[in-house]
N, C-alpha and C. Protein backbone atom coordinates (compact mmCIF):
# COMPACT_ATOMS: atom_id res chain seq x y z
N UNK A 1 -17.06 -17.51 18.66
CA UNK A 1 -16.17 -16.74 17.64
C UNK A 1 -15.25 -17.65 16.66
N UNK A 2 -15.42 -17.07 15.43
CA UNK A 2 -14.76 -17.73 14.32
C UNK A 2 -13.74 -17.43 14.11
N UNK A 3 -12.58 -18.43 13.33
CA UNK A 3 -11.02 -17.87 13.05
C UNK A 3 -11.40 -17.13 11.69
N UNK A 4 -11.11 -15.93 11.53
CA UNK A 4 -11.37 -15.18 10.23
C UNK A 4 -9.94 -14.78 9.47
N UNK A 5 -10.53 -15.02 8.14
CA UNK A 5 -9.15 -14.91 6.97
C UNK A 5 -9.75 -13.64 6.38
N UNK A 6 -8.56 -12.51 6.24
CA UNK A 6 -8.94 -11.23 4.91
C UNK A 6 -7.74 -11.89 4.23
N UNK A 7 -8.48 -11.89 2.52
CA UNK A 7 -7.29 -12.14 1.74
C UNK A 7 -7.41 -11.21 0.36
N UNK A 8 -6.15 -10.97 0.09
CA UNK A 8 -5.72 -9.64 -0.78
C UNK A 8 -5.13 -10.39 -2.01
N UNK A 9 -5.80 -10.53 -3.13
CA UNK A 9 -5.05 -11.18 -4.76
C UNK A 9 -4.92 -10.27 -4.99
N UNK A 10 -3.72 -10.48 -6.23
CA UNK A 10 -3.49 -9.21 -6.85
C UNK A 10 -1.89 -9.73 -7.62
N UNK A 11 -1.89 -9.04 -8.71
CA UNK A 11 -0.66 -9.56 -9.70
C UNK A 11 0.42 -8.40 -9.53
N UNK A 12 1.41 -8.97 -9.96
CA UNK A 12 2.60 -7.69 -10.00
C UNK A 12 3.23 -8.15 -11.29
N UNK A 13 4.17 -6.64 -11.75
CA UNK A 13 4.37 -6.18 -12.64
C UNK A 13 5.87 -7.44 -13.35
N UNK A 14 5.52 -7.92 -14.48
CA UNK A 14 6.59 -8.58 -14.73
C UNK A 14 7.99 -8.35 -14.58
N UNK A 15 8.63 -9.22 -13.86
CA UNK A 15 10.25 -8.92 -13.79
C UNK A 15 10.56 -8.44 -12.52
N UNK A 16 9.45 -8.17 -11.76
CA UNK A 16 9.54 -7.88 -10.42
C UNK A 16 9.48 -8.57 -9.33
N UNK A 17 9.03 -9.84 -9.70
CA UNK A 17 8.67 -10.51 -8.63
C UNK A 17 10.13 -10.51 -7.03
N UNK A 18 11.12 -11.06 -7.65
CA UNK A 18 12.26 -10.74 -6.75
C UNK A 18 12.30 -9.89 -5.99
N UNK A 19 12.09 -8.54 -6.25
CA UNK A 19 12.53 -7.38 -5.49
C UNK A 19 10.95 -6.91 -4.66
N UNK A 20 10.03 -7.74 -5.66
CA UNK A 20 8.56 -7.75 -4.18
C UNK A 20 8.61 -8.77 -3.31
N UNK A 21 9.24 -9.73 -3.72
CA UNK A 21 9.29 -10.90 -2.69
C UNK A 21 10.27 -10.14 -1.22
N UNK A 22 11.33 -9.76 -1.46
CA UNK A 22 11.86 -9.15 -0.69
C UNK A 22 11.61 -8.08 0.15
N UNK A 23 10.59 -7.13 -0.72
CA UNK A 23 9.84 -6.04 0.36
C UNK A 23 8.89 -6.88 1.18
N UNK A 24 7.78 -8.15 0.62
CA UNK A 24 7.12 -8.81 1.53
C UNK A 24 7.61 -9.57 2.73
N UNK A 25 8.72 -9.38 2.51
CA UNK A 25 9.66 -10.78 3.59
C UNK A 25 10.04 -9.37 4.92
N UNK A 26 10.18 -7.98 4.26
CA UNK A 26 10.58 -7.09 5.34
C UNK A 26 9.14 -6.88 6.04
N UNK A 27 7.93 -6.59 5.40
CA UNK A 27 6.32 -6.63 5.60
C UNK A 27 6.40 -7.40 6.59
N UNK A 28 6.36 -8.50 6.35
CA UNK A 28 5.93 -9.58 7.31
C UNK A 28 6.66 -9.37 8.74
N UNK A 29 8.04 -9.11 8.68
CA UNK A 29 8.45 -8.85 10.06
C UNK A 29 8.34 -7.87 10.80
N UNK A 30 7.68 -6.74 10.19
CA UNK A 30 6.91 -5.36 10.76
C UNK A 30 5.34 -5.58 11.16
N UNK A 31 4.57 -6.50 10.28
CA UNK A 31 3.14 -6.59 11.04
C UNK A 31 2.85 -6.93 12.11
N UNK A 32 2.00 -6.33 12.95
CA UNK A 32 1.48 -6.81 14.00
C UNK A 32 0.19 -6.49 14.32
N UNK A 33 -0.78 -6.77 14.90
CA UNK A 33 -2.04 -6.70 15.32
C UNK A 33 -2.71 -7.07 16.50
N UNK A 34 -3.67 -6.73 17.09
CA UNK A 34 -4.11 -7.56 18.31
C UNK A 34 -5.06 -8.59 17.51
N UNK A 35 -4.92 -9.86 17.55
CA UNK A 35 -5.69 -10.89 17.31
C UNK A 35 -5.22 -11.62 15.75
N UNK A 36 -4.38 -11.07 15.44
CA UNK A 36 -3.69 -11.47 14.44
C UNK A 36 -2.75 -12.80 14.61
N UNK A 37 -3.27 -14.03 14.27
CA UNK A 37 -2.62 -15.03 14.63
C UNK A 37 -1.33 -15.43 13.43
N UNK A 38 -1.48 -15.21 12.26
CA UNK A 38 -1.00 -15.59 11.27
C UNK A 38 -0.83 -14.57 10.00
N UNK A 39 0.22 -14.24 9.22
CA UNK A 39 0.19 -13.51 8.33
C UNK A 39 1.19 -14.45 7.04
N UNK A 40 0.32 -15.26 5.98
CA UNK A 40 1.23 -15.74 4.65
C UNK A 40 0.95 -15.12 3.65
N UNK A 41 1.88 -15.36 2.60
CA UNK A 41 1.87 -14.60 1.28
C UNK A 41 1.91 -16.38 0.56
N UNK A 42 0.95 -16.39 -0.56
CA UNK A 42 1.32 -17.57 -1.63
C UNK A 42 1.12 -16.99 -3.04
N UNK A 43 1.63 -17.74 -3.61
CA UNK A 43 2.13 -17.63 -5.08
C UNK A 43 1.14 -18.46 -6.10
N UNK A 44 0.50 -18.10 -7.22
CA UNK A 44 -0.09 -18.83 -7.79
C UNK A 44 0.55 -19.78 -8.40
N UNK A 45 0.43 -21.25 -8.29
CA UNK A 45 1.12 -22.25 -8.94
C UNK A 45 1.46 -22.17 -10.49
N UNK A 46 0.48 -21.04 -11.22
CA UNK A 46 0.46 -21.60 -12.60
C UNK A 46 0.71 -20.27 -13.06
N UNK A 47 0.71 -19.08 -12.06
CA UNK A 47 1.02 -17.78 -12.65
C UNK A 47 1.73 -16.85 -11.69
N UNK A 48 3.19 -17.34 -11.67
CA UNK A 48 3.98 -16.64 -10.77
C UNK A 48 3.64 -15.19 -10.59
N UNK A 49 3.24 -14.49 -11.26
CA UNK A 49 3.02 -13.16 -11.16
C UNK A 49 1.55 -12.51 -10.07
N UNK A 50 1.02 -13.74 -9.86
CA UNK A 50 -0.42 -13.57 -8.98
C UNK A 50 -0.16 -13.95 -7.53
N UNK A 51 -0.07 -13.00 -6.49
CA UNK A 51 0.03 -13.55 -5.23
C UNK A 51 -1.32 -12.97 -4.22
N UNK A 52 -1.23 -13.99 -3.45
CA UNK A 52 -2.34 -13.69 -2.39
C UNK A 52 -1.77 -13.76 -0.79
N UNK A 53 -2.01 -12.69 -0.12
CA UNK A 53 -1.54 -12.27 0.99
C UNK A 53 -2.82 -12.93 2.20
N UNK A 54 -2.69 -13.68 3.09
CA UNK A 54 -3.88 -14.30 4.41
C UNK A 54 -3.63 -13.63 5.55
N UNK A 55 -4.15 -12.89 6.02
CA UNK A 55 -4.29 -12.46 7.16
C UNK A 55 -5.53 -13.28 7.94
N UNK A 56 -4.90 -14.25 9.05
CA UNK A 56 -5.59 -14.90 10.01
C UNK A 56 -5.38 -14.59 11.28
N UNK A 57 -6.96 -14.22 11.58
CA UNK A 57 -7.46 -13.41 13.17
C UNK A 57 -8.02 -14.66 13.67
N UNK A 58 -7.95 -14.53 14.83
CA UNK A 58 -8.46 -15.51 15.76
C UNK A 58 -9.82 -15.62 15.69
N UNK A 59 -10.87 -14.39 15.45
CA UNK A 59 -12.03 -14.26 15.75
C UNK A 59 -12.54 -13.02 14.73
N UNK A 60 -13.79 -13.37 14.50
CA UNK A 60 -14.27 -12.32 13.56
C UNK A 60 -14.25 -11.07 14.24
N UNK A 61 -14.25 -10.84 15.63
CA UNK A 61 -14.04 -9.88 16.72
C UNK A 61 -13.14 -9.06 16.16
N UNK A 62 -11.89 -9.87 16.11
CA UNK A 62 -10.34 -9.45 16.15
C UNK A 62 -10.39 -8.81 14.91
N UNK A 63 -10.87 -9.48 13.45
CA UNK A 63 -10.75 -8.79 12.15
C UNK A 63 -11.42 -7.58 11.93
N UNK A 64 -12.68 -7.33 12.75
CA UNK A 64 -13.19 -6.41 12.64
C UNK A 64 -12.81 -5.05 13.31
N UNK A 65 -11.99 -5.19 14.42
CA UNK A 65 -11.19 -4.55 14.99
C UNK A 65 -9.72 -4.06 14.70
N UNK A 66 -9.71 -5.06 13.64
CA UNK A 66 -8.28 -4.86 12.86
C UNK A 66 -8.27 -3.33 12.47
N UNK A 67 -7.30 -2.24 12.69
CA UNK A 67 -6.93 -0.89 11.96
C UNK A 67 -5.40 -1.04 11.67
N UNK A 68 -5.08 -0.69 10.45
CA UNK A 68 -3.85 -0.36 10.10
C UNK A 68 -3.17 0.75 10.65
N UNK A 69 -2.61 0.49 11.94
CA UNK A 69 -1.88 1.10 13.12
C UNK A 69 -0.49 1.21 12.60
N UNK A 70 -0.13 1.33 11.29
CA UNK A 70 1.23 0.98 11.28
C UNK A 70 2.11 2.33 11.45
N UNK A 71 3.36 1.89 11.58
CA UNK A 71 4.12 3.19 11.96
C UNK A 71 4.75 3.54 10.57
N UNK A 72 5.41 4.37 10.61
CA UNK A 72 6.04 5.52 9.42
C UNK A 72 6.84 4.48 8.51
N UNK A 73 7.55 3.39 9.18
CA UNK A 73 8.26 2.54 8.55
C UNK A 73 7.60 1.68 7.47
N UNK A 74 6.52 0.89 8.24
CA UNK A 74 5.52 0.22 7.79
C UNK A 74 4.77 0.91 6.28
N UNK A 75 4.46 2.11 6.72
CA UNK A 75 3.70 2.82 5.39
C UNK A 75 4.43 2.96 4.39
N UNK A 76 5.76 3.60 4.54
CA UNK A 76 6.68 3.88 3.25
C UNK A 76 7.06 2.46 2.52
N UNK A 77 6.98 1.12 3.44
CA UNK A 77 7.01 -0.11 3.01
C UNK A 77 5.80 -0.39 2.22
N UNK A 78 4.78 -0.19 2.62
CA UNK A 78 3.57 -0.68 1.78
C UNK A 78 3.37 0.26 0.52
N UNK A 79 3.99 1.51 0.76
CA UNK A 79 3.92 2.32 -0.72
C UNK A 79 4.67 1.89 -1.69
N UNK A 80 6.16 1.52 -1.45
CA UNK A 80 6.85 0.55 -2.24
C UNK A 80 6.67 -0.66 -2.49
N UNK A 81 5.48 -1.31 -2.22
CA UNK A 81 4.99 -2.52 -2.52
C UNK A 81 4.00 -2.21 -3.52
N UNK A 82 3.28 -1.16 -3.25
CA UNK A 82 2.37 -0.76 -4.55
C UNK A 82 2.69 -0.51 -5.85
N UNK A 83 3.74 0.05 -5.96
CA UNK A 83 4.56 0.44 -6.84
C UNK A 83 4.55 -0.76 -8.14
N UNK A 84 4.87 -2.28 -7.01
CA UNK A 84 5.00 -3.28 -8.13
C UNK A 84 3.75 -3.99 -8.71
N UNK A 85 2.23 -3.55 -8.19
CA UNK A 85 1.00 -4.08 -8.11
C UNK A 85 0.66 -3.35 -9.40
N UNK A 86 0.19 -4.66 -10.10
CA UNK A 86 -0.62 -3.99 -11.50
C UNK A 86 -1.85 -3.32 -11.21
N UNK A 87 -2.25 -2.35 -12.05
CA UNK A 87 -3.50 -1.69 -11.45
C UNK A 87 -4.23 -2.26 -11.86
N UNK A 88 -5.55 -2.21 -10.77
CA UNK A 88 -6.95 -2.93 -10.95
C UNK A 88 -6.81 -4.36 -10.94
N UNK A 89 -5.72 -5.05 -10.50
CA UNK A 89 -5.68 -6.39 -10.16
C UNK A 89 -6.03 -6.78 -8.51
N UNK A 90 -6.06 -5.80 -7.83
CA UNK A 90 -6.50 -6.16 -6.30
C UNK A 90 -7.66 -6.76 -6.25
N UNK A 91 -8.04 -7.73 -5.50
CA UNK A 91 -9.26 -8.28 -4.84
C UNK A 91 -9.50 -8.90 -3.70
N UNK A 92 -10.54 -8.28 -2.88
CA UNK A 92 -9.99 -8.31 -1.38
C UNK A 92 -11.36 -9.39 -1.03
N UNK A 93 -11.25 -10.39 -0.03
CA UNK A 93 -12.35 -11.08 0.55
C UNK A 93 -12.14 -11.49 1.81
N UNK A 94 -12.98 -11.97 2.55
CA UNK A 94 -13.11 -12.29 3.96
C UNK A 94 -13.75 -13.42 3.93
N UNK A 95 -13.00 -14.68 4.39
CA UNK A 95 -13.57 -16.05 4.81
C UNK A 95 -13.74 -16.35 6.31
N UNK A 96 -14.59 -16.96 6.34
CA UNK A 96 -14.69 -17.19 8.10
C UNK A 96 -14.86 -18.83 8.30
N UNK A 97 -14.49 -19.38 8.91
CA UNK A 97 -14.10 -20.56 9.34
C UNK A 97 -15.41 -20.89 10.00
N UNK A 98 -16.13 -22.20 9.26
CA UNK A 98 -17.29 -22.58 9.88
C UNK A 98 -17.18 -23.55 11.15
N UNK A 99 -18.04 -23.07 12.02
CA UNK A 99 -17.94 -24.09 13.34
C UNK A 99 -18.92 -24.93 13.45
N UNK A 100 -18.95 -26.77 13.42
CA UNK A 100 -19.58 -27.30 13.65
C UNK A 100 -19.89 -27.78 15.24
N UNK A 101 -21.24 -27.73 15.15
CA UNK A 101 -21.45 -28.12 16.59
C UNK A 101 -21.40 -29.33 16.94
N UNK A 102 -20.76 -29.53 17.84
CA UNK A 102 -20.40 -31.13 18.42
C UNK A 102 -21.45 -31.99 18.35
N UNK A 103 -21.60 -33.26 18.41
CA UNK A 103 -22.55 -34.11 18.16
C UNK A 103 -23.20 -34.34 16.94
N UNK A 104 -23.25 -33.41 16.34
CA UNK A 104 -23.98 -33.52 14.93
C UNK A 104 -23.43 -34.79 14.03
N UNK A 105 -24.13 -35.32 13.48
CA UNK A 105 -23.64 -36.54 12.50
C UNK A 105 -23.84 -35.84 11.00
């Protein structure tokens, strides 16, 4: 079972970063999922309008079973957040931690 990360990259409209970060903070307090170990958000060091959300799952199976069973409050919040995102900038990727066998040299 390999740790799996789901990454969502996108840009927000100029001048909206502070409002957007406020919504992200609220979203982080609400997000829950079976097997979700961590949820973090990163801003690009060179482009303050570019964000990456990182969902860390304990295993590939936990990620595969992840469903967005959000409550009404979370859905409303996600809808508000989407208003700040620049169209056609969202990219998704899934990465899995490489597990090395013990004893390998």
